[in-house]
């Protein structure tokens, strides 16, 4: 069982905070909560992968060099 601080979050919360999660702007507890949800929800995990790929593509188009989180140029 999870600690009360790590109560599961909803798909809606993940959607609202996914950008912050990918940018590592959340506190440790919120980051862990979203990570737990992403590990168990295929739909949200797919959305996270799609957003991360979009961010990488935009960085490549902007010529920003190596891209977070994969390091690809």
PDB file of N, CA and C in Angstrom:
ATOM      1  N   UNK A   1       0.842  -1.191   0.000  1.00  0.00           N
ATOM      2  CA  UNK A   1       0.000   0.000   0.000  1.00  0.00           C
ATOM      3  C   UNK A   1       0.879   1.244   0.000  1.00  0.00           C
ATOM      4  N   UNK A   2       0.403   2.275  -0.678  1.00  0.00           N
ATOM      5  CA  UNK A   2       1.174   3.509  -0.802  1.00  0.00           C
ATOM      6  C   UNK A   2       1.054   4.363   0.455  1.00  0.00           C
ATOM      7  N   UNK A   3       2.055   5.157   0.691  1.00  0.00           N
ATOM      8  CA  UNK A   3       2.008   6.160   1.741  1.00  0.00           C
ATOM      9  C   UNK A   3       0.875   7.140   1.422  1.00  0.00           C
ATOM     10  N   UNK A   4       0.220   7.719   2.431  1.00  0.00           N
ATOM     11  CA  UNK A   4      -0.833   8.704   2.155  1.00  0.00           C
ATOM     12  C   UNK A   4      -0.336   9.849   1.277  1.00  0.00           C
ATOM     13  N   UNK A   5       0.928  10.197   1.416  1.00  0.00           N
ATOM     14  CA  UNK A   5       1.484  11.280   0.594  1.00  0.00           C
ATOM     15  C   UNK A   5       1.555  10.890  -0.878  1.00  0.00           C
ATOM     16  N   UNK A   6       1.581   9.575  -1.150  1.00  0.00           N
ATOM     17  CA  UNK A   6       1.678   9.092  -2.527  1.00  0.00           C
ATOM     18  C   UNK A   6       0.342   8.557  -3.041  1.00  0.00           C
ATOM     19  N   UNK A   7      -0.746   9.159  -2.579  1.00  0.00           N
ATOM     20  CA  UNK A   7      -2.047   8.746  -3.087  1.00  0.00           C
ATOM     21  C   UNK A   7      -2.059   8.873  -4.595  1.00  0.00           C
ATOM     22  N   UNK A   8      -2.729   7.935  -5.228  1.00  0.00           N
ATOM     23  CA  UNK A   8      -2.777   7.907  -6.690  1.00  0.00           C
ATOM     24  C   UNK A   8      -3.449   9.159  -7.221  1.00  0.00           C
ATOM     25  N   UNK A   9      -2.967   9.616  -8.343  1.00  0.00           N
ATOM     26  CA  UNK A   9      -3.585  10.761  -8.989  1.00  0.00           C
ATOM     27  C   UNK A   9      -4.460  10.267 -10.142  1.00  0.00           C
ATOM     28  N   UNK A  10      -5.259  11.163 -10.657  1.00  0.00           N
ATOM     29  CA  UNK A  10      -6.193  10.814 -11.727  1.00  0.00           C
ATOM     30  C   UNK A  10      -5.577  11.125 -13.093  1.00  0.00           C
ATOM     31  N   UNK A  11      -6.197  10.578 -14.130  1.00  0.00           N
ATOM     32  CA  UNK A  11      -5.767  10.886 -15.496  1.00  0.00           C
ATOM     33  C   UNK A  11      -5.864  12.384 -15.754  1.00  0.00           C
ATOM     34  N   UNK A  12      -6.894  13.007 -15.225  1.00  0.00           N
ATOM     35  CA  UNK A  12      -7.069  14.451 -15.410  1.00  0.00           C
ATOM     36  C   UNK A  12      -5.892  15.227 -14.802  1.00  0.00           C
ATOM     37  N   UNK A  13      -5.481  14.839 -13.596  1.00  0.00           N
ATOM     38  CA  UNK A  13      -4.352  15.506 -12.947  1.00  0.00           C
ATOM     39  C   UNK A  13      -3.076  15.316 -13.761  1.00  0.00           C
ATOM     40  N   UNK A  14      -2.876  14.108 -14.271  1.00  0.00           N
ATOM     41  CA  UNK A  14      -1.696  13.858 -15.108  1.00  0.00           C
ATOM     42  C   UNK A  14      -1.730  14.763 -16.327  1.00  0.00           C
ATOM     43  N   UNK A  15      -2.887  14.842 -16.974  1.00  0.00           N
ATOM     44  CA  UNK A  15      -3.012  15.705 -18.149  1.00  0.00           C
ATOM     45  C   UNK A  15      -2.714  17.159 -17.834  1.00  0.00           C
ATOM     46  N   UNK A  16      -3.188  17.606 -16.681  1.00  0.00           N
ATOM     47  CA  UNK A  16      -2.980  19.000 -16.281  1.00  0.00           C
ATOM     48  C   UNK A  16      -1.528  19.295 -15.929  1.00  0.00           C
ATOM     49  N   UNK A  17      -0.775  18.275 -15.501  1.00  0.00           N
ATOM     50  CA  UNK A  17       0.568  18.518 -14.980  1.00  0.00           C
ATOM     51  C   UNK A  17       1.670  17.806 -15.757  1.00  0.00           C
ATOM     52  N   UNK A  18       1.328  17.224 -16.902  1.00  0.00           N
ATOM     53  CA  UNK A  18       2.291  16.428 -17.653  1.00  0.00           C
ATOM     54  C   UNK A  18       3.494  17.243 -18.103  1.00  0.00           C
ATOM     55  N   UNK A  19       3.270  18.439 -18.554  1.00  0.00           N
ATOM     56  CA  UNK A  19       4.380  19.289 -18.987  1.00  0.00           C
ATOM     57  C   UNK A  19       5.341  19.563 -17.828  1.00  0.00           C
ATOM     58  N   UNK A  20       4.781  19.857 -16.669  1.00  0.00           N
ATOM     59  CA  UNK A  20       5.620  20.095 -15.487  1.00  0.00           C
ATOM     60  C   UNK A  20       6.401  18.827 -15.121  1.00  0.00           C
ATOM     61  N   UNK A  21       5.758  17.672 -15.270  1.00  0.00           N
ATOM     62  CA  UNK A  21       6.423  16.400 -14.970  1.00  0.00           C
ATOM     63  C   UNK A  21       7.608  16.197 -15.912  1.00  0.00           C
ATOM     64  N   UNK A  22       7.376  16.371 -17.203  1.00  0.00           N
ATOM     65  CA  UNK A  22       8.442  16.147 -18.180  1.00  0.00           C
ATOM     66  C   UNK A  22       9.574  17.166 -18.030  1.00  0.00           C
ATOM     67  N   UNK A  23       9.236  18.374 -17.616  1.00  0.00           N
ATOM     68  CA  UNK A  23      10.249  19.411 -17.414  1.00  0.00           C
ATOM     69  C   UNK A  23      10.910  19.330 -16.036  1.00  0.00           C
ATOM     70  N   UNK A  24      10.516  18.323 -15.263  1.00  0.00           N
ATOM     71  CA  UNK A  24      11.045  18.113 -13.910  1.00  0.00           C
ATOM     72  C   UNK A  24      10.869  19.342 -13.031  1.00  0.00           C
ATOM     73  N   UNK A  25       9.683  19.931 -13.112  1.00  0.00           N
ATOM     74  CA  UNK A  25       9.364  21.117 -12.328  1.00  0.00           C
ATOM     75  C   UNK A  25       8.496  20.810 -11.103  1.00  0.00           C
ATOM     76  N   UNK A  26       8.157  19.559 -10.895  1.00  0.00           N
ATOM     77  CA  UNK A  26       7.326  19.175  -9.756  1.00  0.00           C
ATOM     78  C   UNK A  26       8.195  18.837  -8.556  1.00  0.00           C
ATOM     79  N   UNK A  27       7.617  18.961  -7.385  1.00  0.00           N
ATOM     80  CA  UNK A  27       8.293  18.505  -6.181  1.00  0.00           C
ATOM     81  C   UNK A  27       8.408  16.985  -6.197  1.00  0.00           C
ATOM     82  N   UNK A  28       9.190  16.442  -5.292  1.00  0.00           N
ATOM     83  CA  UNK A  28       9.458  15.009  -5.275  1.00  0.00           C
ATOM     84  C   UNK A  28       8.197  14.168  -5.108  1.00  0.00           C
ATOM     85  N   UNK A  29       7.297  14.569  -4.225  1.00  0.00           N
ATOM     86  CA  UNK A  29       6.091  13.782  -3.977  1.00  0.00           C
ATOM     87  C   UNK A  29       5.184  13.799  -5.206  1.00  0.00           C
ATOM     88  N   UNK A  30       4.943  14.979  -5.771  1.00  0.00           N
ATOM     89  CA  UNK A  30       4.083  15.062  -6.957  1.00  0.00           C
ATOM     90  C   UNK A  30       4.704  14.331  -8.142  1.00  0.00           C
ATOM     91  N   UNK A  31       6.013  14.439  -8.297  1.00  0.00           N
ATOM     92  CA  UNK A  31       6.698  13.731  -9.383  1.00  0.00           C
ATOM     93  C   UNK A  31       6.523  12.217  -9.218  1.00  0.00           C
ATOM     94  N   UNK A  32       6.669  11.734  -7.997  1.00  0.00           N
ATOM     95  CA  UNK A  32       6.498  10.312  -7.738  1.00  0.00           C
ATOM     96  C   UNK A  32       5.054   9.876  -7.997  1.00  0.00           C
ATOM     97  N   UNK A  33       4.094  10.685  -7.573  1.00  0.00           N
ATOM     98  CA  UNK A  33       2.681  10.350  -7.794  1.00  0.00           C
ATOM     99  C   UNK A  33       2.373  10.231  -9.279  1.00  0.00           C
ATOM    100  N   UNK A  34       2.814  11.198 -10.070  1.00  0.00           N
ATOM    101  CA  UNK A  34       2.559  11.137 -11.503  1.00  0.00           C
ATOM    102  C   UNK A  34       3.306   9.966 -12.131  1.00  0.00           C
ATOM    103  N   UNK A  35       4.522   9.720 -11.682  1.00  0.00           N
ATOM    104  CA  UNK A  35       5.291   8.594 -12.194  1.00  0.00           C
ATOM    105  C   UNK A  35       4.605   7.263 -11.935  1.00  0.00           C
ATOM    106  N   UNK A  36       4.035   7.104 -10.747  1.00  0.00           N
ATOM    107  CA  UNK A  36       3.299   5.884 -10.427  1.00  0.00           C
ATOM    108  C   UNK A  36       2.096   5.721 -11.342  1.00  0.00           C
ATOM    109  N   UNK A  37       1.396   6.814 -11.592  1.00  0.00           N
ATOM    110  CA  UNK A  37       0.238   6.750 -12.476  1.00  0.00           C
ATOM    111  C   UNK A  37       0.678   6.394 -13.893  1.00  0.00           C
ATOM    112  N   UNK A  38       1.719   7.041 -14.377  1.00  0.00           N
ATOM    113  CA  UNK A  38       2.196   6.765 -15.734  1.00  0.00           C
ATOM    114  C   UNK A  38       2.646   5.315 -15.889  1.00  0.00           C
ATOM    115  N   UNK A  39       3.171   4.742 -14.835  1.00  0.00           N
ATOM    116  CA  UNK A  39       3.624   3.350 -14.892  1.00  0.00           C
ATOM    117  C   UNK A  39       2.460   2.364 -14.967  1.00  0.00           C
ATOM    118  N   UNK A  40       1.277   2.801 -14.560  1.00  0.00           N
ATOM    119  CA  UNK A  40       0.144   1.876 -14.515  1.00  0.00           C
ATOM    120  C   UNK A  40      -0.984   2.228 -15.478  1.00  0.00           C
ATOM    121  N   UNK A  41      -0.853   3.331 -16.218  1.00  0.00           N
ATOM    122  CA  UNK A  41      -1.926   3.765 -17.109  1.00  0.00           C
ATOM    123  C   UNK A  41      -1.387   3.890 -18.543  1.00  0.00           C
ATOM    124  N   UNK A  42      -1.677   2.913 -19.385  1.00  0.00           N
ATOM    125  CA  UNK A  42      -1.150   2.941 -20.752  1.00  0.00           C
ATOM    126  C   UNK A  42      -1.556   4.191 -21.536  1.00  0.00           C
ATOM    127  N   UNK A  43      -2.752   4.669 -21.315  1.00  0.00           N
ATOM    128  CA  UNK A  43      -3.225   5.853 -22.046  1.00  0.00           C
ATOM    129  C   UNK A  43      -2.410   7.105 -21.676  1.00  0.00           C
ATOM    130  N   UNK A  44      -2.208   7.313 -20.387  1.00  0.00           N
ATOM    131  CA  UNK A  44      -1.417   8.469 -19.953  1.00  0.00           C
ATOM    132  C   UNK A  44       0.057   8.307 -20.332  1.00  0.00           C
ATOM    133  N   UNK A  45       0.570   7.077 -20.260  1.00  0.00           N
ATOM    134  CA  UNK A  45       1.959   6.830 -20.655  1.00  0.00           C
ATOM    135  C   UNK A  45       2.151   7.155 -22.133  1.00  0.00           C
ATOM    136  N   UNK A  46       1.167   6.804 -22.961  1.00  0.00           N
ATOM    137  CA  UNK A  46       1.249   7.120 -24.389  1.00  0.00           C
ATOM    138  C   UNK A  46       1.222   8.622 -24.608  1.00  0.00           C
ATOM    139  N   UNK A  47       0.393   9.325 -23.838  1.00  0.00           N
ATOM    140  CA  UNK A  47       0.339  10.790 -23.949  1.00  0.00           C
ATOM    141  C   UNK A  47       1.674  11.403 -23.542  1.00  0.00           C
ATOM    142  N   UNK A  48       2.300  10.860 -22.503  1.00  0.00           N
ATOM    143  CA  UNK A  48       3.600  11.365 -22.060  1.00  0.00           C
ATOM    144  C   UNK A  48       4.668  11.147 -23.125  1.00  0.00           C
ATOM    145  N   UNK A  49       4.666   9.962 -23.736  1.00  0.00           N
ATOM    146  CA  UNK A  49       5.636   9.688 -24.806  1.00  0.00           C
ATOM    147  C   UNK A  49       5.413  10.629 -25.993  1.00  0.00           C
ATOM    148  N   UNK A  50       4.160  10.855 -26.350  1.00  0.00           N
ATOM    149  CA  UNK A  50       3.854  11.731 -27.482  1.00  0.00           C
ATOM    150  C   UNK A  50       4.287  13.165 -27.197  1.00  0.00           C
ATOM    151  N   UNK A  51       4.026  13.647 -25.996  1.00  0.00           N
ATOM    152  CA  UNK A  51       4.434  15.012 -25.650  1.00  0.00           C
ATOM    153  C   UNK A  51       5.954  15.123 -25.612  1.00  0.00           C
ATOM    154  N   UNK A  52       6.628  14.130 -25.060  1.00  0.00           N
ATOM    155  CA  UNK A  52       8.095  14.158 -25.016  1.00  0.00           C
ATOM    156  C   UNK A  52       8.675  14.174 -26.435  1.00  0.00           C
ATOM    157  N   UNK A  53       8.088  13.391 -27.343  1.00  0.00           N
ATOM    158  CA  UNK A  53       8.561  13.370 -28.730  1.00  0.00           C
ATOM    159  C   UNK A  53       8.306  14.713 -29.407  1.00  0.00           C
ATOM    160  N   UNK A  54       7.177  15.316 -29.128  1.00  0.00           N
ATOM    161  CA  UNK A  54       6.871  16.637 -29.691  1.00  0.00           C
ATOM    162  C   UNK A  54       7.876  17.675 -29.207  1.00  0.00           C
ATOM    163  N   UNK A  55       8.199  17.626 -27.941  1.00  0.00           N
ATOM    164  CA  UNK A  55       9.182  18.557 -27.371  1.00  0.00           C
ATOM    165  C   UNK A  55      10.540  18.353 -28.048  1.00  0.00           C
ATOM    166  N   UNK A  56      10.945  17.080 -28.212  1.00  0.00           N
ATOM    167  CA  UNK A  56      12.234  16.806 -28.879  1.00  0.00           C
ATOM    168  C   UNK A  56      12.228  17.338 -30.310  1.00  0.00           C
ATOM    169  N   UNK A  57      11.126  17.128 -31.038  1.00  0.00           N
ATOM    170  CA  UNK A  57      11.037  17.594 -32.423  1.00  0.00           C
ATOM    171  C   UNK A  57      11.109  19.116 -32.492  1.00  0.00           C
ATOM    172  N   UNK A  58      10.449  19.790 -31.587  1.00  0.00           N
ATOM    173  CA  UNK A  58      10.484  21.254 -31.578  1.00  0.00           C
ATOM    174  C   UNK A  58      11.882  21.772 -31.263  1.00  0.00           C
ATOM    175  N   UNK A  59      12.568  21.098 -30.361  1.00  0.00           N
ATOM    176  CA  UNK A  59      13.946  21.510 -30.048  1.00  0.00           C
ATOM    177  C   UNK A  59      14.858  21.320 -31.257  1.00  0.00           C
ATOM    178  N   UNK A  60      14.665  20.210 -31.968  1.00  0.00           N
ATOM    179  CA  UNK A  60      15.487  19.989 -33.166  1.00  0.00           C
ATOM    180  C   UNK A  60      15.198  21.061 -34.210  1.00  0.00           C
ATOM    181  N   UNK A  61      13.930  21.392 -34.415  1.00  0.00           N
ATOM    182  CA  UNK A  61      13.571  22.421 -35.392  1.00  0.00           C
ATOM    183  C   UNK A  61      14.127  23.786 -35.005  1.00  0.00           C
ATOM    184  N   UNK A  62      14.169  24.051 -33.724  1.00  0.00           N
ATOM    185  CA  UNK A  62      14.657  25.339 -33.246  1.00  0.00           C
ATOM    186  C   UNK A  62      16.181  25.387 -33.222  1.00  0.00           C
ATOM    187  N   UNK A  63      16.838  24.256 -33.497  1.00  0.00           N
ATOM    188  CA  UNK A  63      18.297  24.226 -33.511  1.00  0.00           C
ATOM    189  C   UNK A  63      18.906  24.405 -32.149  1.00  0.00           C
ATOM    190  N   UNK A  64      18.241  23.882 -31.121  1.00  0.00           N
ATOM    191  CA  UNK A  64      18.733  24.060 -29.759  1.00  0.00           C
ATOM    192  C   UNK A  64      19.757  23.015 -29.352  1.00  0.00           C
ATOM    193  N   UNK A  65      20.220  22.214 -30.278  1.00  0.00           N
ATOM    194  CA  UNK A  65      21.236  21.229 -29.965  1.00  0.00           C
ATOM    195  C   UNK A  65      20.648  20.040 -29.231  1.00  0.00           C
ATOM    196  N   UNK A  66      21.453  19.390 -28.410  1.00  0.00           N
ATOM    197  CA  UNK A  66      20.966  18.200 -27.707  1.00  0.00           C
ATOM    198  C   UNK A  66      19.670  18.490 -26.977  1.00  0.00           C
ATOM    199  N   UNK A  67      18.801  17.535 -27.055  1.00  0.00           N
ATOM    200  CA  UNK A  67      17.458  17.724 -26.535  1.00  0.00           C
ATOM    201  C   UNK A  67      17.237  16.906 -25.277  1.00  0.00           C
ATOM    202  N   UNK A  68      16.577  17.513 -24.348  1.00  0.00           N
ATOM    203  CA  UNK A  68      16.107  16.795 -23.184  1.00  0.00           C
ATOM    204  C   UNK A  68      14.886  16.024 -23.594  1.00  0.00           C
ATOM    205  N   UNK A  69      14.573  14.861 -23.088  1.00  0.00           N
ATOM    206  CA  UNK A  69      15.342  14.117 -22.107  1.00  0.00           C
ATOM    207  C   UNK A  69      16.291  13.101 -22.724  1.00  0.00           C
ATOM    208  N   UNK A  70      16.299  12.970 -24.044  1.00  0.00           N
ATOM    209  CA  UNK A  70      17.053  11.871 -24.642  1.00  0.00           C
ATOM    210  C   UNK A  70      18.493  12.232 -24.989  1.00  0.00           C
ATOM    211  N   UNK A  71      18.805  13.511 -25.102  1.00  0.00           N
ATOM    212  CA  UNK A  71      20.145  13.917 -25.466  1.00  0.00           C
ATOM    213  C   UNK A  71      20.429  13.900 -26.940  1.00  0.00           C
ATOM    214  N   UNK A  72      19.434  13.521 -27.771  1.00  0.00           N
ATOM    215  CA  UNK A  72      19.632  13.521 -29.227  1.00  0.00           C
ATOM    216  C   UNK A  72      19.812  14.938 -29.753  1.00  0.00           C
ATOM    217  N   UNK A  73      20.647  15.063 -30.740  1.00  0.00           N
ATOM    218  CA  UNK A  73      20.846  16.358 -31.377  1.00  0.00           C
ATOM    219  C   UNK A  73      19.830  16.563 -32.476  1.00  0.00           C
TER     220      UNK A  73
END
